[in-house]
Amino acid sequence: MKFFFCLLGLVLIVEGLPYFACPDQMKKWVATLQELPSSRLRLMGFVAMTVGLLMVYLFRA
């Protein structure tokens, strides 16, 4: 459980860094995301999950 919370903390750091470093550009990027069709967002999410799963599988401790 300790390892899980450590990973969760790292994910939050990586997710929050762009909002902290360049908030104005993130607002523009989020507005662009709203214009994309749901099917494209779904595909991007699936690809991200697949890459993440492969990384966990290949580099697990």
PDB file of N, CA and C in Angstrom:
ATOM      1  N   MET A   1       0.822  -1.185   0.000  1.00  0.00           N
ATOM      2  CA  MET A   1       0.000   0.000   0.000  1.00  0.00           C
ATOM      3  C   MET A   1       0.872   1.258   0.000  1.00  0.00           C
ATOM      4  N   LYS A   2       1.999   1.172   0.701  1.00  0.00           N
ATOM      5  CA  LYS A   2       2.917   2.307   0.748  1.00  0.00           C
ATOM      6  C   LYS A   2       3.436   2.624  -0.650  1.00  0.00           C
ATOM      7  N   PHE A   3       3.764   1.589  -1.427  1.00  0.00           N
ATOM      8  CA  PHE A   3       4.250   1.757  -2.795  1.00  0.00           C
ATOM      9  C   PHE A   3       3.173   2.393  -3.676  1.00  0.00           C
ATOM     10  N   PHE A   4       1.918   1.979  -3.495  1.00  0.00           N
ATOM     11  CA  PHE A   4       0.804   2.529  -4.265  1.00  0.00           C
ATOM     12  C   PHE A   4       0.671   4.032  -4.033  1.00  0.00           C
ATOM     13  N   PHE A   5       0.734   4.461  -2.781  1.00  0.00           N
ATOM     14  CA  PHE A   5       0.596   5.883  -2.479  1.00  0.00           C
ATOM     15  C   PHE A   5       1.800   6.680  -2.982  1.00  0.00           C
ATOM     16  N   CYS A   6       2.975   6.061  -2.990  1.00  0.00           N
ATOM     17  CA  CYS A   6       4.145   6.714  -3.551  1.00  0.00           C
ATOM     18  C   CYS A   6       3.936   6.932  -5.049  1.00  0.00           C
ATOM     19  N   LEU A   7       3.452   5.926  -5.760  1.00  0.00           N
ATOM     20  CA  LEU A   7       3.174   6.064  -7.194  1.00  0.00           C
ATOM     21  C   LEU A   7       2.076   7.091  -7.449  1.00  0.00           C
ATOM     22  N   LEU A   8       1.054   7.082  -6.635  1.00  0.00           N
ATOM     23  CA  LEU A   8      -0.027   8.049  -6.785  1.00  0.00           C
ATOM     24  C   LEU A   8       0.501   9.477  -6.603  1.00  0.00           C
ATOM     25  N   GLY A   9       1.374   9.668  -5.636  1.00  0.00           N
ATOM     26  CA  GLY A   9       1.982  10.977  -5.433  1.00  0.00           C
ATOM     27  C   GLY A   9       2.799  11.414  -6.636  1.00  0.00           C
ATOM     28  N   LEU A  10       3.549  10.493  -7.231  1.00  0.00           N
ATOM     29  CA  LEU A  10       4.334  10.823  -8.421  1.00  0.00           C
ATOM     30  C   LEU A  10       3.432  11.184  -9.598  1.00  0.00           C
ATOM     31  N   VAL A  11       2.331  10.482  -9.750  1.00  0.00           N
ATOM     32  CA  VAL A  11       1.383  10.792 -10.823  1.00  0.00           C
ATOM     33  C   VAL A  11       0.814  12.193 -10.625  1.00  0.00           C
ATOM     34  N   LEU A  12       0.467  12.539  -9.409  1.00  0.00           N
ATOM     35  CA  LEU A  12      -0.068  13.873  -9.137  1.00  0.00           C
ATOM     36  C   LEU A  12       0.962  14.960  -9.415  1.00  0.00           C
ATOM     37  N   ILE A  13       2.221  14.687  -9.111  1.00  0.00           N
ATOM     38  CA  ILE A  13       3.278  15.655  -9.418  1.00  0.00           C
ATOM     39  C   ILE A  13       3.378  15.862 -10.920  1.00  0.00           C
ATOM     40  N   VAL A  14       3.426  14.767 -11.665  1.00  0.00           N
ATOM     41  CA  VAL A  14       3.549  14.863 -13.130  1.00  0.00           C
ATOM     42  C   VAL A  14       2.322  15.530 -13.740  1.00  0.00           C
ATOM     43  N   GLU A  15       1.146  15.225 -13.238  1.00  0.00           N
ATOM     44  CA  GLU A  15      -0.082  15.820 -13.761  1.00  0.00           C
ATOM     45  C   GLU A  15      -0.188  17.304 -13.413  1.00  0.00           C
ATOM     46  N   GLY A  16       0.295  17.703 -12.261  1.00  0.00           N
ATOM     47  CA  GLY A  16       0.166  19.088 -11.825  1.00  0.00           C
ATOM     48  C   GLY A  16       1.247  20.016 -12.338  1.00  0.00           C
ATOM     49  N   LEU A  17       2.357  19.472 -12.769  1.00  0.00           N
ATOM     50  CA  LEU A  17       3.483  20.291 -13.208  1.00  0.00           C
ATOM     51  C   LEU A  17       3.144  21.233 -14.360  1.00  0.00           C
ATOM     52  N   PRO A  18       2.477  20.788 -15.428  1.00  0.00           N
ATOM     53  CA  PRO A  18       2.159  21.731 -16.512  1.00  0.00           C
ATOM     54  C   PRO A  18       1.228  22.864 -16.066  1.00  0.00           C
ATOM     55  N   TYR A  19       0.296  22.582 -15.185  1.00  0.00           N
ATOM     56  CA  TYR A  19      -0.616  23.618 -14.697  1.00  0.00           C
ATOM     57  C   TYR A  19       0.142  24.655 -13.867  1.00  0.00           C
ATOM     58  N   PHE A  20       1.171  24.217 -13.155  1.00  0.00           N
ATOM     59  CA  PHE A  20       1.975  25.139 -12.346  1.00  0.00           C
ATOM     60  C   PHE A  20       2.950  25.923 -13.219  1.00  0.00           C
ATOM     61  N   ALA A  21       3.575  25.247 -14.173  1.00  0.00           N
ATOM     62  CA  ALA A  21       4.637  25.861 -14.971  1.00  0.00           C
ATOM     63  C   ALA A  21       4.097  26.831 -16.023  1.00  0.00           C
ATOM     64  N   CYS A  22       2.994  26.484 -16.669  1.00  0.00           N
ATOM     65  CA  CYS A  22       2.478  27.354 -17.749  1.00  0.00           C
ATOM     66  C   CYS A  22       0.946  27.285 -17.782  1.00  0.00           C
ATOM     67  N   PRO A  23       0.294  27.946 -16.821  1.00  0.00           N
ATOM     68  CA  PRO A  23      -1.156  27.850 -16.714  1.00  0.00           C
ATOM     69  C   PRO A  23      -1.912  28.422 -17.917  1.00  0.00           C
ATOM     70  N   ASP A  24      -1.407  29.480 -18.527  1.00  0.00           N
ATOM     71  CA  ASP A  24      -2.112  30.071 -19.669  1.00  0.00           C
ATOM     72  C   ASP A  24      -2.130  29.125 -20.869  1.00  0.00           C
ATOM     73  N   GLN A  25      -1.010  28.477 -21.128  1.00  0.00           N
ATOM     74  CA  GLN A  25      -0.962  27.520 -22.226  1.00  0.00           C
ATOM     75  C   GLN A  25      -1.839  26.302 -21.939  1.00  0.00           C
ATOM     76  N   MET A  26      -1.931  25.893 -20.676  1.00  0.00           N
ATOM     77  CA  MET A  26      -2.785  24.759 -20.325  1.00  0.00           C
ATOM     78  C   MET A  26      -4.255  25.096 -20.561  1.00  0.00           C
ATOM     79  N   LYS A  27      -4.646  26.344 -20.290  1.00  0.00           N
ATOM     80  CA  LYS A  27      -6.029  26.747 -20.555  1.00  0.00           C
ATOM     81  C   LYS A  27      -6.338  26.622 -22.042  1.00  0.00           C
ATOM     82  N   LYS A  28      -5.401  27.054 -22.883  1.00  0.00           N
ATOM     83  CA  LYS A  28      -5.600  26.945 -24.332  1.00  0.00           C
ATOM     84  C   LYS A  28      -5.681  25.481 -24.758  1.00  0.00           C
ATOM     85  N   TRP A  29      -4.827  24.648 -24.166  1.00  0.00           N
ATOM     86  CA  TRP A  29      -4.802  23.231 -24.516  1.00  0.00           C
ATOM     87  C   TRP A  29      -6.100  22.537 -24.100  1.00  0.00           C
ATOM     88  N   VAL A  30      -6.602  22.874 -22.926  1.00  0.00           N
ATOM     89  CA  VAL A  30      -7.865  22.288 -22.455  1.00  0.00           C
ATOM     90  C   VAL A  30      -9.022  22.728 -23.354  1.00  0.00           C
ATOM     91  N   ALA A  31      -8.999  23.987 -23.796  1.00  0.00           N
ATOM     92  CA  ALA A  31     -10.030  24.460 -24.725  1.00  0.00           C
ATOM     93  C   ALA A  31      -9.956  23.696 -26.044  1.00  0.00           C
ATOM     94  N   THR A  32      -8.744  23.396 -26.503  1.00  0.00           N
ATOM     95  CA  THR A  32      -8.577  22.605 -27.727  1.00  0.00           C
ATOM     96  C   THR A  32      -9.118  21.198 -27.532  1.00  0.00           C
ATOM     97  N   LEU A  33      -8.905  20.629 -26.361  1.00  0.00           N
ATOM     98  CA  LEU A  33      -9.416  19.282 -26.079  1.00  0.00           C
ATOM     99  C   LEU A  33     -10.933  19.228 -26.150  1.00  0.00           C
ATOM    100  N   GLN A  34     -11.594  20.291 -25.742  1.00  0.00           N
ATOM    101  CA  GLN A  34     -13.052  20.317 -25.764  1.00  0.00           C
ATOM    102  C   GLN A  34     -13.593  20.283 -27.180  1.00  0.00           C
ATOM    103  N   GLU A  35     -12.802  20.720 -28.142  1.00  0.00           N
ATOM    104  CA  GLU A  35     -13.244  20.729 -29.531  1.00  0.00           C
ATOM    105  C   GLU A  35     -13.064  19.374 -30.217  1.00  0.00           C
ATOM    106  N   LEU A  36     -12.227  18.504 -29.648  1.00  0.00           N
ATOM    107  CA  LEU A  36     -11.993  17.199 -30.264  1.00  0.00           C
ATOM    108  C   LEU A  36     -13.209  16.295 -30.104  1.00  0.00           C
ATOM    109  N   PRO A  37     -13.474  15.439 -31.079  1.00  0.00           N
ATOM    110  CA  PRO A  37     -14.583  14.496 -30.934  1.00  0.00           C
ATOM    111  C   PRO A  37     -14.287  13.458 -29.839  1.00  0.00           C
ATOM    112  N   SER A  38     -15.333  12.958 -29.240  1.00  0.00           N
ATOM    113  CA  SER A  38     -15.184  11.998 -28.141  1.00  0.00           C
ATOM    114  C   SER A  38     -14.447  10.740 -28.585  1.00  0.00           C
ATOM    115  N   SER A  39     -14.662  10.334 -29.811  1.00  0.00           N
ATOM    116  CA  SER A  39     -13.999   9.114 -30.286  1.00  0.00           C
ATOM    117  C   SER A  39     -12.478   9.284 -30.290  1.00  0.00           C
ATOM    118  N   ARG A  40     -11.995  10.453 -30.661  1.00  0.00           N
ATOM    119  CA  ARG A  40     -10.550  10.697 -30.665  1.00  0.00           C
ATOM    120  C   ARG A  40     -10.010  10.725 -29.242  1.00  0.00           C
ATOM    121  N   LEU A  41     -10.732  11.360 -28.320  1.00  0.00           N
ATOM    122  CA  LEU A  41     -10.295  11.378 -26.920  1.00  0.00           C
ATOM    123  C   LEU A  41     -10.276   9.970 -26.337  1.00  0.00           C
ATOM    124  N   ARG A  42     -11.282   9.177 -26.688  1.00  0.00           N
ATOM    125  CA  ARG A  42     -11.344   7.797 -26.214  1.00  0.00           C
ATOM    126  C   ARG A  42     -10.139   7.010 -26.733  1.00  0.00           C
ATOM    127  N   LEU A  43      -9.793   7.198 -27.998  1.00  0.00           N
ATOM    128  CA  LEU A  43      -8.643   6.509 -28.579  1.00  0.00           C
ATOM    129  C   LEU A  43      -7.350   6.950 -27.893  1.00  0.00           C
ATOM    130  N   MET A  44      -7.202   8.245 -27.660  1.00  0.00           N
ATOM    131  CA  MET A  44      -6.003   8.749 -26.986  1.00  0.00           C
ATOM    132  C   MET A  44      -5.893   8.171 -25.575  1.00  0.00           C
ATOM    133  N   GLY A  45      -7.011   8.083 -24.868  1.00  0.00           N
ATOM    134  CA  GLY A  45      -7.006   7.499 -23.530  1.00  0.00           C
ATOM    135  C   GLY A  45      -6.647   6.032 -23.552  1.00  0.00           C
ATOM    136  N   PHE A  46      -7.165   5.300 -24.546  1.00  0.00           N
ATOM    137  CA  PHE A  46      -6.853   3.876 -24.669  1.00  0.00           C
ATOM    138  C   PHE A  46      -5.370   3.672 -24.951  1.00  0.00           C
ATOM    139  N   VAL A  47      -4.826   4.481 -25.847  1.00  0.00           N
ATOM    140  CA  VAL A  47      -3.395   4.371 -26.172  1.00  0.00           C
ATOM    141  C   VAL A  47      -2.550   4.683 -24.931  1.00  0.00           C
ATOM    142  N   ALA A  48      -2.916   5.712 -24.191  1.00  0.00           N
ATOM    143  CA  ALA A  48      -2.166   6.070 -22.984  1.00  0.00           C
ATOM    144  C   ALA A  48      -2.222   4.942 -21.958  1.00  0.00           C
ATOM    145  N   MET A  49      -3.389   4.337 -21.772  1.00  0.00           N
ATOM    146  CA  MET A  49      -3.507   3.227 -20.825  1.00  0.00           C
ATOM    147  C   MET A  49      -2.686   2.025 -21.279  1.00  0.00           C
ATOM    148  N   THR A  50      -2.700   1.752 -22.586  1.00  0.00           N
ATOM    149  CA  THR A  50      -1.947   0.619 -23.116  1.00  0.00           C
ATOM    150  C   THR A  50      -0.447   0.828 -22.935  1.00  0.00           C
ATOM    151  N   VAL A  51       0.031   2.022 -23.236  1.00  0.00           N
ATOM    152  CA  VAL A  51       1.456   2.318 -23.049  1.00  0.00           C
ATOM    153  C   VAL A  51       1.818   2.217 -21.568  1.00  0.00           C
ATOM    154  N   GLY A  52       0.969   2.746 -20.705  1.00  0.00           N
ATOM    155  CA  GLY A  52       1.223   2.655 -19.267  1.00  0.00           C
ATOM    156  C   GLY A  52       1.263   1.218 -18.785  1.00  0.00           C
ATOM    157  N   LEU A  53       0.334   0.397 -19.268  1.00  0.00           N
ATOM    158  CA  LEU A  53       0.312  -1.014 -18.875  1.00  0.00           C
ATOM    159  C   LEU A  53       1.570  -1.729 -19.350  1.00  0.00           C
ATOM    160  N   LEU A  54       1.986  -1.443 -20.570  1.00  0.00           N
ATOM    161  CA  LEU A  54       3.226  -2.059 -21.080  1.00  0.00           C
ATOM    162  C   LEU A  54       4.444  -1.618 -20.274  1.00  0.00           C
ATOM    163  N   MET A  55       4.476  -0.345 -19.900  1.00  0.00           N
ATOM    164  CA  MET A  55       5.597   0.133 -19.082  1.00  0.00           C
ATOM    165  C   MET A  55       5.625  -0.551 -17.720  1.00  0.00           C
ATOM    166  N   VAL A  56       4.472  -0.697 -17.108  1.00  0.00           N
ATOM    167  CA  VAL A  56       4.405  -1.371 -15.808  1.00  0.00           C
ATOM    168  C   VAL A  56       4.843  -2.822 -15.959  1.00  0.00           C
ATOM    169  N   TYR A  57       4.401  -3.476 -17.008  1.00  0.00           N
ATOM    170  CA  TYR A  57       4.756  -4.878 -17.235  1.00  0.00           C
ATOM    171  C   TYR A  57       6.256  -5.041 -17.469  1.00  0.00           C
ATOM    172  N   LEU A  58       6.829  -4.163 -18.303  1.00  0.00           N
ATOM    173  CA  LEU A  58       8.239  -4.293 -18.660  1.00  0.00           C
ATOM    174  C   LEU A  58       9.190  -3.872 -17.534  1.00  0.00           C
ATOM    175  N   PHE A  59       8.801  -2.859 -16.761  1.00  0.00           N
ATOM    176  CA  PHE A  59       9.715  -2.302 -15.761  1.00  0.00           C
ATOM    177  C   PHE A  59       9.287  -2.560 -14.322  1.00  0.00           C
ATOM    178  N   ARG A  60       8.454  -3.566 -14.122  1.00  0.00           N
ATOM    179  CA  ARG A  60       7.992  -3.854 -12.763  1.00  0.00           C
ATOM    180  C   ARG A  60       9.178  -4.299 -11.891  1.00  0.00           C
ATOM    181  N   ALA A  61       9.036  -4.047 -10.624  1.00  0.00           N
ATOM    182  CA  ALA A  61      10.137  -4.339  -9.685  1.00  0.00           C
ATOM    183  C   ALA A  61      10.239  -5.807  -9.376  1.00  0.00           C
TER     184      ALA A  61
END
